[in-house]
Structure formats: C-alpha cells, structure tokens
Amino acid sequence: MQMGLSDEQRGVATGMAYACVSVVALWVVAWGIPAQDAGVGGRLWILGGALLGPGSALAAGVGFVARHRFLHDTAIDGQNPPDDIRLARAHAYLSNTVEQALLAAMVYPALAFGLSADWIGVLPLFSLAFVVGRIGFAMGIGRPARHRAFGFALTFYPTMSGLFVAIILMLSSFLR
C-alpha cells in the first residue's frame, strides 16, 4: 500500500487546485460585470456567444484529425495505425473535447435562462476558460498527466460549478 502521493499525483493536484482558484475568480469577476439584458433575446445572444468557445475548441479538434488524415497515407482512409502517435494524440484531444463540449452545451443554456441578469456575465468567462483550458490540455497531451491537469480542470470545473448552480436554481424554483 502506497503512503502519500507520488510526484505525478502532486503535480496533477496542483493543476487542479489552480483551476479551482480560477473558477472562484471567474465567479468573482462575473459578479463585478454590469447586469446584462435579461430579456430572452439578450440571454440567447449571450448563450450563443458563450457556446462559440466550446464550438471552436471542438472544431479545432476535428480539424487536427482531418488535417493529419489528409497528410498521411496510412490514415487517410479512416484507419488508426497503432504506431501513429500524432493521430492518437489528436484523437485524445478530440475525444476529451467532445465530452467537455457536450457538458458545456447542456449546462450553459440552463445558466443562460436560470441566472439573474447580475450573474449572466459568467457565461462568456466560462467560454474563455474553456478555450484556454483546451489549449493547455492540448499542449500537455503526450506528456505526463501533470502537464494536462490544469487545462483539463480549467475546462471541466467551470462547467461543473455551473451545473451545481443550475441544479440549485432549478430546485429552488420548484420549492417556491
């Protein structure tokens, strides 16, 4: 039985901790943003803009895989050669980004219509964090987990904090 954390586990935990602090900072900054138009049209506009971050990160992943396939004879027919490390890394980014974008696409609308006008400014901040997190995650692929941890968590934690808030908002509306 192992006692304590390995260096790699400590590195991952450090990245996660920095991302947690970043999420708190996003909520604090959102609190200071002047209230946005709370009408349906304004909320849809903010939601649409916020979804551009996850959409762009997802499009980049599709582009990475497509470009690689086009440029490599062994992969152009949809094959996944086991010795093609770059294709495997592109797939790792794309697969994880699909998961993250799907979560964001479910949570952001709940926030867009559940948050008060005073808090709706958090959505563009989450979108920006998503993109920055995906860049960090991509830069860490193929390296030890500690190099991806902050990027992964900066993508995941804002969405999960939003999910928690959306659930609380929904429950509180049912209990009124």
N, C-alpha and C. Protein backbone atom coordinates (compact mmCIF):
# COMPACT_ATOMS: atom_id res chain seq x y z
N MET A 1 0.84 -1.18 0.00
CA MET A 1 0.00 0.00 0.00
C MET A 1 0.89 1.25 0.00
N GLN A 2 0.59 2.14 -0.91
CA GLN A 2 1.39 3.35 -1.06
C GLN A 2 1.00 4.38 -0.01
N MET A 3 2.00 5.00 0.57
CA MET A 3 1.76 6.06 1.55
C MET A 3 2.06 7.40 0.89
N GLY A 4 1.14 8.32 0.93
CA GLY A 4 1.36 9.64 0.33
C GLY A 4 1.16 9.62 -1.17
N LEU A 5 1.28 10.77 -1.75
CA LEU A 5 1.09 10.93 -3.18
C LEU A 5 2.43 10.90 -3.91
N SER A 6 2.40 10.39 -5.13
CA SER A 6 3.60 10.42 -5.96
C SER A 6 3.82 11.85 -6.45
N ASP A 7 4.97 12.10 -7.02
CA ASP A 7 5.26 13.42 -7.59
C ASP A 7 4.24 13.76 -8.68
N GLU A 8 3.88 12.76 -9.48
CA GLU A 8 2.92 12.99 -10.56
C GLU A 8 1.54 13.35 -9.99
N GLN A 9 1.12 12.63 -8.95
CA GLN A 9 -0.17 12.93 -8.32
C GLN A 9 -0.16 14.33 -7.71
N ARG A 10 0.93 14.71 -7.10
CA ARG A 10 1.03 16.07 -6.55
C ARG A 10 0.97 17.11 -7.65
N GLY A 11 1.60 16.83 -8.78
CA GLY A 11 1.55 17.75 -9.91
C GLY A 11 0.14 17.91 -10.45
N VAL A 12 -0.58 16.80 -10.55
CA VAL A 12 -1.98 16.85 -11.00
C VAL A 12 -2.82 17.62 -9.98
N ALA A 13 -2.65 17.33 -8.72
CA ALA A 13 -3.41 18.03 -7.68
C ALA A 13 -3.12 19.53 -7.69
N THR A 14 -1.90 19.91 -7.97
CA THR A 14 -1.55 21.33 -8.05
C THR A 14 -2.29 21.99 -9.21
N GLY A 15 -2.29 21.35 -10.37
CA GLY A 15 -3.04 21.88 -11.52
C GLY A 15 -4.51 22.00 -11.22
N MET A 16 -5.06 21.01 -10.54
CA MET A 16 -6.48 21.04 -10.16
C MET A 16 -6.76 22.19 -9.19
N ALA A 17 -5.86 22.38 -8.25
CA ALA A 17 -6.05 23.46 -7.26
C ALA A 17 -6.01 24.83 -7.93
N TYR A 18 -5.08 25.02 -8.86
CA TYR A 18 -5.02 26.30 -9.59
C TYR A 18 -6.31 26.52 -10.38
N ALA A 19 -6.84 25.47 -10.96
CA ALA A 19 -8.09 25.59 -11.71
C ALA A 19 -9.26 25.93 -10.77
N CYS A 20 -9.27 25.35 -9.58
CA CYS A 20 -10.33 25.68 -8.60
C CYS A 20 -10.27 27.16 -8.24
N VAL A 21 -9.09 27.67 -8.00
CA VAL A 21 -8.92 29.09 -7.70
C VAL A 21 -9.39 29.92 -8.89
N SER A 22 -9.09 29.47 -10.09
CA SER A 22 -9.51 30.19 -11.29
C SER A 22 -11.02 30.25 -11.41
N VAL A 23 -11.70 29.17 -11.06
CA VAL A 23 -13.16 29.15 -11.13
C VAL A 23 -13.76 30.14 -10.15
N VAL A 24 -13.22 30.18 -8.96
CA VAL A 24 -13.68 31.17 -7.97
C VAL A 24 -13.47 32.57 -8.53
N ALA A 25 -12.31 32.79 -9.14
CA ALA A 25 -12.02 34.11 -9.73
C ALA A 25 -13.01 34.44 -10.85
N LEU A 26 -13.41 33.46 -11.65
CA LEU A 26 -14.39 33.70 -12.71
C LEU A 26 -15.71 34.18 -12.13
N TRP A 27 -16.16 33.53 -11.07
CA TRP A 27 -17.43 33.93 -10.43
C TRP A 27 -17.30 35.33 -9.81
N VAL A 28 -16.16 35.62 -9.21
CA VAL A 28 -15.94 36.95 -8.61
C VAL A 28 -15.94 38.03 -9.69
N VAL A 29 -15.25 37.77 -10.79
CA VAL A 29 -15.22 38.74 -11.89
C VAL A 29 -16.63 38.91 -12.46
N ALA A 30 -17.36 37.81 -12.62
CA ALA A 30 -18.73 37.90 -13.15
C ALA A 30 -19.62 38.75 -12.26
N TRP A 31 -19.39 38.67 -10.97
CA TRP A 31 -20.18 39.46 -10.02
C TRP A 31 -19.98 40.94 -10.26
N GLY A 32 -18.80 41.32 -10.73
CA GLY A 32 -18.48 42.72 -10.97
C GLY A 32 -18.88 43.23 -12.34
N ILE A 33 -19.31 42.34 -13.25
CA ILE A 33 -19.73 42.76 -14.58
C ILE A 33 -21.11 43.38 -14.47
N PRO A 34 -21.32 44.53 -15.08
CA PRO A 34 -22.66 45.14 -15.02
C PRO A 34 -23.72 44.19 -15.55
N ALA A 35 -24.91 44.27 -14.99
CA ALA A 35 -26.01 43.39 -15.39
C ALA A 35 -26.25 43.48 -16.89
N GLN A 36 -26.47 42.34 -17.50
CA GLN A 36 -26.73 42.26 -18.93
C GLN A 36 -28.23 42.24 -19.18
N ASP A 37 -28.62 42.47 -20.43
CA ASP A 37 -30.03 42.41 -20.81
C ASP A 37 -30.61 41.06 -20.38
N ALA A 38 -31.63 41.11 -19.55
CA ALA A 38 -32.21 39.87 -19.03
C ALA A 38 -33.33 39.34 -19.91
N GLY A 39 -33.64 40.03 -21.01
CA GLY A 39 -34.68 39.54 -21.91
C GLY A 39 -34.25 38.26 -22.60
N VAL A 40 -35.23 37.57 -23.19
CA VAL A 40 -34.95 36.31 -23.87
C VAL A 40 -33.94 36.51 -25.00
N GLY A 41 -34.11 37.56 -25.80
CA GLY A 41 -33.18 37.82 -26.89
C GLY A 41 -31.76 38.06 -26.39
N GLY A 42 -31.63 38.83 -25.32
CA GLY A 42 -30.31 39.10 -24.75
C GLY A 42 -29.67 37.84 -24.19
N ARG A 43 -30.47 37.02 -23.55
CA ARG A 43 -29.96 35.76 -22.99
C ARG A 43 -29.53 34.80 -24.10
N LEU A 44 -30.32 34.75 -25.18
CA LEU A 44 -29.94 33.89 -26.32
C LEU A 44 -28.66 34.38 -26.96
N TRP A 45 -28.50 35.70 -27.06
CA TRP A 45 -27.28 36.27 -27.64
C TRP A 45 -26.06 35.89 -26.78
N ILE A 46 -26.17 36.04 -25.48
CA ILE A 46 -25.07 35.69 -24.57
C ILE A 46 -24.78 34.19 -24.64
N LEU A 47 -25.84 33.39 -24.65
CA LEU A 47 -25.65 31.94 -24.75
C LEU A 47 -24.96 31.57 -26.06
N GLY A 48 -25.43 32.13 -27.16
CA GLY A 48 -24.80 31.84 -28.45
C GLY A 48 -23.33 32.20 -28.47
N GLY A 49 -23.01 33.36 -27.92
CA GLY A 49 -21.61 33.76 -27.85
C GLY A 49 -20.79 32.84 -26.98
N ALA A 50 -21.37 32.44 -25.85
CA ALA A 50 -20.65 31.56 -24.93
C ALA A 50 -20.39 30.18 -25.54
N LEU A 51 -21.31 29.71 -26.35
CA LEU A 51 -21.13 28.40 -26.96
C LEU A 51 -20.09 28.41 -28.08
N LEU A 52 -19.68 29.60 -28.52
CA LEU A 52 -18.64 29.67 -29.54
C LEU A 52 -17.29 29.17 -29.03
N GLY A 53 -17.01 29.33 -27.75
CA GLY A 53 -15.75 28.82 -27.19
C GLY A 53 -15.66 27.30 -27.30
N PRO A 54 -16.62 26.57 -26.70
CA PRO A 54 -16.59 25.11 -26.85
C PRO A 54 -16.68 24.68 -28.31
N GLY A 55 -17.50 25.37 -29.10
CA GLY A 55 -17.62 25.02 -30.52
C GLY A 55 -16.31 25.19 -31.26
N SER A 56 -15.59 26.26 -30.97
CA SER A 56 -14.30 26.50 -31.63
C SER A 56 -13.27 25.45 -31.22
N ALA A 57 -13.25 25.11 -29.94
CA ALA A 57 -12.31 24.08 -29.47
C ALA A 57 -12.62 22.73 -30.11
N LEU A 58 -13.90 22.44 -30.26
CA LEU A 58 -14.31 21.19 -30.90
C LEU A 58 -13.94 21.21 -32.38
N ALA A 59 -14.20 22.32 -33.05
CA ALA A 59 -13.84 22.44 -34.47
C ALA A 59 -12.33 22.29 -34.67
N ALA A 60 -11.55 22.84 -33.76
CA ALA A 60 -10.10 22.69 -33.85
C ALA A 60 -9.71 21.21 -33.77
N GLY A 61 -10.34 20.47 -32.87
CA GLY A 61 -10.04 19.05 -32.73
C GLY A 61 -10.39 18.27 -33.99
N VAL A 62 -11.55 18.56 -34.57
CA VAL A 62 -11.94 17.91 -35.82
C VAL A 62 -10.93 18.26 -36.90
N GLY A 63 -10.53 19.52 -36.93
CA GLY A 63 -9.55 19.96 -37.92
C GLY A 63 -8.20 19.29 -37.76
N PHE A 64 -7.75 19.12 -36.51
CA PHE A 64 -6.47 18.45 -36.26
C PHE A 64 -6.50 17.04 -36.83
N VAL A 65 -7.57 16.30 -36.54
CA VAL A 65 -7.67 14.92 -37.01
C VAL A 65 -7.78 14.89 -38.53
N ALA A 66 -8.62 15.74 -39.11
CA ALA A 66 -8.81 15.75 -40.57
C ALA A 66 -7.51 16.11 -41.29
N ARG A 67 -6.80 17.12 -40.80
CA ARG A 67 -5.54 17.53 -41.43
C ARG A 67 -4.54 16.38 -41.38
N HIS A 68 -4.44 15.74 -40.23
CA HIS A 68 -3.49 14.64 -40.10
C HIS A 68 -3.85 13.51 -41.06
N ARG A 69 -5.13 13.17 -41.11
CA ARG A 69 -5.55 12.10 -42.01
C ARG A 69 -5.22 12.44 -43.47
N PHE A 70 -5.47 13.67 -43.87
CA PHE A 70 -5.21 14.08 -45.24
C PHE A 70 -3.73 13.97 -45.60
N LEU A 71 -2.87 14.31 -44.66
CA LEU A 71 -1.44 14.36 -44.94
C LEU A 71 -0.72 13.02 -44.78
N HIS A 72 -1.42 11.98 -44.31
CA HIS A 72 -0.75 10.70 -44.06
C HIS A 72 -1.49 9.57 -44.77
N ASP A 73 -0.78 8.91 -45.69
CA ASP A 73 -1.37 7.84 -46.49
C ASP A 73 -1.97 6.73 -45.64
N THR A 74 -1.35 6.41 -44.53
CA THR A 74 -1.82 5.29 -43.71
C THR A 74 -3.06 5.64 -42.91
N ALA A 75 -3.42 6.91 -42.85
CA ALA A 75 -4.57 7.31 -42.04
C ALA A 75 -5.70 7.92 -42.87
N ILE A 76 -5.47 8.17 -44.15
CA ILE A 76 -6.45 8.91 -44.95
C ILE A 76 -7.76 8.14 -45.15
N ASP A 77 -7.72 6.83 -45.11
CA ASP A 77 -8.93 6.03 -45.29
C ASP A 77 -9.67 5.76 -43.99
N GLY A 78 -9.33 6.50 -42.95
CA GLY A 78 -10.02 6.32 -41.67
C GLY A 78 -9.37 5.29 -40.77
N GLN A 79 -8.24 4.76 -41.18
CA GLN A 79 -7.52 3.80 -40.35
C GLN A 79 -6.85 4.53 -39.20
N ASN A 80 -6.62 3.83 -38.13
CA ASN A 80 -5.90 4.36 -36.98
C ASN A 80 -4.66 3.52 -36.73
N PRO A 81 -3.61 3.75 -37.52
CA PRO A 81 -2.40 2.95 -37.35
C PRO A 81 -1.89 3.04 -35.92
N PRO A 82 -1.60 1.91 -35.29
CA PRO A 82 -1.18 1.93 -33.88
C PRO A 82 0.13 2.68 -33.64
N ASP A 83 0.95 2.81 -34.67
CA ASP A 83 2.24 3.49 -34.48
C ASP A 83 2.16 5.00 -34.80
N ASP A 84 0.97 5.49 -35.10
CA ASP A 84 0.79 6.91 -35.43
C ASP A 84 0.47 7.70 -34.16
N ILE A 85 1.52 8.12 -33.48
CA ILE A 85 1.38 8.81 -32.19
C ILE A 85 0.66 10.15 -32.34
N ARG A 86 0.97 10.89 -33.41
CA ARG A 86 0.32 12.21 -33.60
C ARG A 86 -1.18 12.06 -33.80
N LEU A 87 -1.60 11.05 -34.55
CA LEU A 87 -3.03 10.82 -34.74
C LEU A 87 -3.68 10.41 -33.42
N ALA A 88 -3.00 9.57 -32.66
CA ALA A 88 -3.54 9.15 -31.36
C ALA A 88 -3.71 10.35 -30.44
N ARG A 89 -2.77 11.27 -30.47
CA ARG A 89 -2.86 12.47 -29.63
C ARG A 89 -3.99 13.38 -30.11
N ALA A 90 -4.13 13.51 -31.42
CA ALA A 90 -5.23 14.32 -31.95
C ALA A 90 -6.58 13.72 -31.55
N HIS A 91 -6.67 12.39 -31.59
CA HIS A 91 -7.89 11.71 -31.15
C HIS A 91 -8.13 11.90 -29.66
N ALA A 92 -7.08 11.87 -28.87
CA ALA A 92 -7.22 12.08 -27.42
C ALA A 92 -7.78 13.47 -27.15
N TYR A 93 -7.25 14.47 -27.83
CA TYR A 93 -7.77 15.83 -27.67
C TYR A 93 -9.23 15.89 -28.11
N LEU A 94 -9.52 15.35 -29.28
CA LEU A 94 -10.88 15.43 -29.82
C LEU A 94 -11.87 14.69 -28.93
N SER A 95 -11.53 13.52 -28.49
CA SER A 95 -12.43 12.74 -27.64
C SER A 95 -12.74 13.47 -26.33
N ASN A 96 -11.71 13.98 -25.69
CA ASN A 96 -11.93 14.70 -24.43
C ASN A 96 -12.69 15.99 -24.68
N THR A 97 -12.43 16.66 -25.78
CA THR A 97 -13.11 17.92 -26.08
C THR A 97 -14.58 17.69 -26.40
N VAL A 98 -14.89 16.59 -27.08
CA VAL A 98 -16.30 16.25 -27.33
C VAL A 98 -17.04 16.11 -26.00
N GLU A 99 -16.43 15.39 -25.06
CA GLU A 99 -17.05 15.21 -23.74
C GLU A 99 -17.28 16.55 -23.05
N GLN A 100 -16.24 17.37 -23.05
CA GLN A 100 -16.32 18.67 -22.37
C GLN A 100 -17.34 19.59 -23.06
N ALA A 101 -17.34 19.61 -24.38
CA ALA A 101 -18.26 20.48 -25.13
C ALA A 101 -19.71 20.03 -24.92
N LEU A 102 -19.94 18.74 -24.86
CA LEU A 102 -21.29 18.24 -24.62
C LEU A 102 -21.79 18.68 -23.25
N LEU A 103 -20.94 18.57 -22.25
CA LEU A 103 -21.33 19.04 -20.91
C LEU A 103 -21.64 20.54 -20.93
N ALA A 104 -20.76 21.31 -21.56
CA ALA A 104 -20.98 22.76 -21.63
C ALA A 104 -22.28 23.08 -22.36
N ALA A 105 -22.55 22.36 -23.44
CA ALA A 105 -23.76 22.62 -24.23
C ALA A 105 -25.03 22.29 -23.45
N MET A 106 -24.93 21.47 -22.44
CA MET A 106 -26.09 21.18 -21.60
C MET A 106 -26.21 22.16 -20.44
N VAL A 107 -25.09 22.62 -19.93
CA VAL A 107 -25.10 23.49 -18.74
C VAL A 107 -25.30 24.96 -19.10
N TYR A 108 -24.64 25.43 -20.14
CA TYR A 108 -24.72 26.86 -20.47
C TYR A 108 -26.16 27.34 -20.69
N PRO A 109 -27.01 26.58 -21.40
CA PRO A 109 -28.40 27.06 -21.56
C PRO A 109 -29.15 27.16 -20.22
N ALA A 110 -28.91 26.22 -19.33
CA ALA A 110 -29.57 26.28 -18.02
C ALA A 110 -29.13 27.54 -17.27
N LEU A 111 -27.86 27.88 -17.39
CA LEU A 111 -27.38 29.10 -16.75
C LEU A 111 -27.90 30.34 -17.45
N ALA A 112 -27.94 30.31 -18.78
CA ALA A 112 -28.39 31.48 -19.54
C ALA A 112 -29.81 31.89 -19.15
N PHE A 113 -30.63 30.91 -18.84
CA PHE A 113 -32.02 31.22 -18.51
C PHE A 113 -32.33 31.11 -17.02
N GLY A 114 -31.37 30.61 -16.24
CA GLY A 114 -31.60 30.48 -14.81
C GLY A 114 -30.96 31.55 -13.96
N LEU A 115 -29.83 32.09 -14.43
CA LEU A 115 -29.12 33.11 -13.66
C LEU A 115 -29.84 34.45 -13.75
N SER A 116 -29.69 35.24 -12.72
CA SER A 116 -30.20 36.60 -12.77
C SER A 116 -29.33 37.42 -13.71
N ALA A 117 -29.82 38.57 -14.13
CA ALA A 117 -29.07 39.44 -15.04
C ALA A 117 -27.74 39.86 -14.42
N ASP A 118 -27.67 39.88 -13.10
CA ASP A 118 -26.42 40.25 -12.43
C ASP A 118 -25.32 39.22 -12.61
N TRP A 119 -25.66 37.98 -12.91
CA TRP A 119 -24.67 36.91 -12.97
C TRP A 119 -24.44 36.35 -14.36
N ILE A 120 -25.25 36.74 -15.31
CA ILE A 120 -25.17 36.12 -16.64
C ILE A 120 -23.81 36.35 -17.33
N GLY A 121 -23.09 37.35 -16.88
CA GLY A 121 -21.76 37.62 -17.42
C GLY A 121 -20.76 36.51 -17.18
N VAL A 122 -21.12 35.53 -16.35
CA VAL A 122 -20.21 34.41 -16.11
C VAL A 122 -20.08 33.53 -17.36
N LEU A 123 -21.10 33.52 -18.21
CA LEU A 123 -21.06 32.63 -19.38
C LEU A 123 -19.92 32.96 -20.35
N PRO A 124 -19.73 34.21 -20.74
CA PRO A 124 -18.57 34.48 -21.61
C PRO A 124 -17.24 34.14 -20.92
N LEU A 125 -17.18 34.31 -19.61
CA LEU A 125 -15.96 33.96 -18.88
C LEU A 125 -15.73 32.46 -18.90
N PHE A 126 -16.80 31.69 -18.73
CA PHE A 126 -16.68 30.23 -18.82
C PHE A 126 -16.20 29.82 -20.21
N SER A 127 -16.72 30.48 -21.23
CA SER A 127 -16.33 30.18 -22.60
C SER A 127 -14.84 30.46 -22.83
N LEU A 128 -14.38 31.58 -22.31
CA LEU A 128 -12.96 31.91 -22.42
C LEU A 128 -12.11 30.89 -21.67
N ALA A 129 -12.55 30.51 -20.47
CA ALA A 129 -11.82 29.49 -19.69
C ALA A 129 -11.79 28.16 -20.45
N PHE A 130 -12.89 27.84 -21.13
CA PHE A 130 -12.95 26.61 -21.91
C PHE A 130 -11.85 26.60 -22.97
N VAL A 131 -11.74 27.69 -23.71
CA VAL A 131 -10.74 27.76 -24.78
C VAL A 131 -9.32 27.71 -24.20
N VAL A 132 -9.07 28.49 -23.17
CA VAL A 132 -7.74 28.49 -22.55
C VAL A 132 -7.43 27.10 -21.99
N GLY A 133 -8.41 26.48 -21.37
CA GLY A 133 -8.23 25.14 -20.83
C GLY A 133 -7.93 24.11 -21.91
N ARG A 134 -8.62 24.21 -23.03
CA ARG A 134 -8.37 23.26 -24.12
C ARG A 134 -6.98 23.45 -24.69
N ILE A 135 -6.53 24.70 -24.80
CA ILE A 135 -5.16 24.95 -25.28
C ILE A 135 -4.16 24.33 -24.32
N GLY A 136 -4.36 24.54 -23.03
CA GLY A 136 -3.47 23.95 -22.04
C GLY A 136 -3.49 22.43 -22.08
N PHE A 137 -4.68 21.87 -22.22
CA PHE A 137 -4.81 20.42 -22.31
C PHE A 137 -4.07 19.89 -23.54
N ALA A 138 -4.27 20.55 -24.68
CA ALA A 138 -3.63 20.11 -25.93
C ALA A 138 -2.11 20.17 -25.80
N MET A 139 -1.60 21.20 -25.17
CA MET A 139 -0.15 21.34 -25.01
C MET A 139 0.43 20.23 -24.11
N GLY A 140 -0.41 19.66 -23.25
CA GLY A 140 0.06 18.62 -22.35
C GLY A 140 -0.09 17.21 -22.86
N ILE A 141 -0.80 17.04 -23.96
CA ILE A 141 -1.01 15.68 -24.49
C ILE A 141 0.33 15.10 -24.92
N GLY A 142 0.55 13.86 -24.54
CA GLY A 142 1.80 13.18 -24.84
C GLY A 142 2.85 13.39 -23.78
N ARG A 143 2.52 14.18 -22.78
CA ARG A 143 3.42 14.42 -21.66
C ARG A 143 2.76 13.85 -20.40
N PRO A 144 3.45 13.81 -19.29
CA PRO A 144 2.83 13.29 -18.07
C PRO A 144 1.56 14.07 -17.69
N ALA A 145 0.70 13.43 -16.95
CA ALA A 145 -0.63 13.97 -16.62
C ALA A 145 -0.57 15.36 -15.98
N ARG A 146 0.45 15.65 -15.22
CA ARG A 146 0.54 16.96 -14.56
C ARG A 146 0.55 18.10 -15.56
N HIS A 147 0.97 17.81 -16.80
CA HIS A 147 1.04 18.83 -17.84
C HIS A 147 -0.33 19.10 -18.48
N ARG A 148 -1.29 18.21 -18.28
CA ARG A 148 -2.64 18.38 -18.81
C ARG A 148 -3.63 18.78 -17.73
N ALA A 149 -3.28 18.59 -16.47
CA ALA A 149 -4.23 18.71 -15.37
C ALA A 149 -4.90 20.08 -15.30
N PHE A 150 -4.12 21.15 -15.36
CA PHE A 150 -4.72 22.48 -15.27
C PHE A 150 -5.65 22.73 -16.45
N GLY A 151 -5.21 22.39 -17.65
CA GLY A 151 -6.05 22.60 -18.84
C GLY A 151 -7.34 21.81 -18.76
N PHE A 152 -7.25 20.56 -18.35
CA PHE A 152 -8.46 19.75 -18.20
C PHE A 152 -9.38 20.38 -17.17
N ALA A 153 -8.83 20.69 -16.02
CA ALA A 153 -9.66 21.22 -14.92
C ALA A 153 -10.22 22.60 -15.24
N LEU A 154 -9.48 23.42 -15.98
CA LEU A 154 -9.98 24.75 -16.34
C LEU A 154 -11.14 24.64 -17.33
N THR A 155 -11.20 23.56 -18.06
CA THR A 155 -12.33 23.29 -18.94
C THR A 155 -13.50 22.70 -18.15
N PHE A 156 -13.20 21.77 -17.28
CA PHE A 156 -14.22 20.99 -16.57
C PHE A 156 -14.83 21.71 -15.38
N TYR A 157 -14.03 22.33 -14.55
CA TYR A 157 -14.53 22.90 -13.30
C TYR A 157 -15.51 24.04 -13.48
N PRO A 158 -15.30 24.97 -14.42
CA PRO A 158 -16.33 26.00 -14.59
C PRO A 158 -17.69 25.38 -14.97
N THR A 159 -17.66 24.42 -15.87
CA THR A 159 -18.91 23.77 -16.28
C THR A 159 -19.55 23.05 -15.09
N MET A 160 -18.74 22.38 -14.28
CA MET A 160 -19.31 21.67 -13.13
C MET A 160 -19.84 22.64 -12.08
N SER A 161 -19.17 23.77 -11.90
CA SER A 161 -19.70 24.76 -10.96
C SER A 161 -21.01 25.30 -11.49
N GLY A 162 -21.08 25.49 -12.82
CA GLY A 162 -22.33 25.93 -13.44
C GLY A 162 -23.43 24.90 -13.30
N LEU A 163 -23.09 23.62 -13.43
CA LEU A 163 -24.07 22.56 -13.26
C LEU A 163 -24.62 22.58 -11.83
N PHE A 164 -23.74 22.73 -10.88
CA PHE A 164 -24.16 22.80 -9.47
C PHE A 164 -25.11 23.99 -9.26
N VAL A 165 -24.73 25.15 -9.79
CA VAL A 165 -25.57 26.34 -9.64
C VAL A 165 -26.92 26.12 -10.35
N ALA A 166 -26.90 25.55 -11.55
CA ALA A 166 -28.14 25.32 -12.29
C ALA A 166 -29.06 24.37 -11.53
N ILE A 167 -28.50 23.34 -10.92
CA ILE A 167 -29.32 22.40 -10.14
C ILE A 167 -29.93 23.12 -8.94
N ILE A 168 -29.14 23.94 -8.26
CA ILE A 168 -29.65 24.70 -7.11
C ILE A 168 -30.77 25.64 -7.57
N LEU A 169 -30.56 26.33 -8.69
CA LEU A 169 -31.59 27.24 -9.21
C LEU A 169 -32.88 26.50 -9.55
N MET A 170 -32.75 25.34 -10.18
CA MET A 170 -33.92 24.54 -10.52
C MET A 170 -34.65 24.06 -9.27
N LEU A 171 -33.91 23.53 -8.34
CA LEU A 171 -34.53 23.05 -7.10
C LEU A 171 -35.21 24.18 -6.34
N SER A 172 -34.57 25.35 -6.29
CA SER A 172 -35.16 26.46 -5.56
C SER A 172 -36.43 26.96 -6.25
N SER A 173 -36.48 26.87 -7.61
CA SER A 173 -37.69 27.30 -8.31
C SER A 173 -38.84 26.32 -8.06
N PHE A 174 -38.52 25.06 -7.88
CA PHE A 174 -39.57 24.06 -7.59
C PHE A 174 -40.10 24.20 -6.16
N LEU A 175 -39.25 24.69 -5.28
CA LEU A 175 -39.64 24.79 -3.88
C LEU A 175 -40.36 26.11 -3.53
N ARG A 176 -40.48 27.01 -4.50
CA ARG A 176 -41.16 28.28 -4.24
C ARG A 176 -42.64 28.12 -4.22
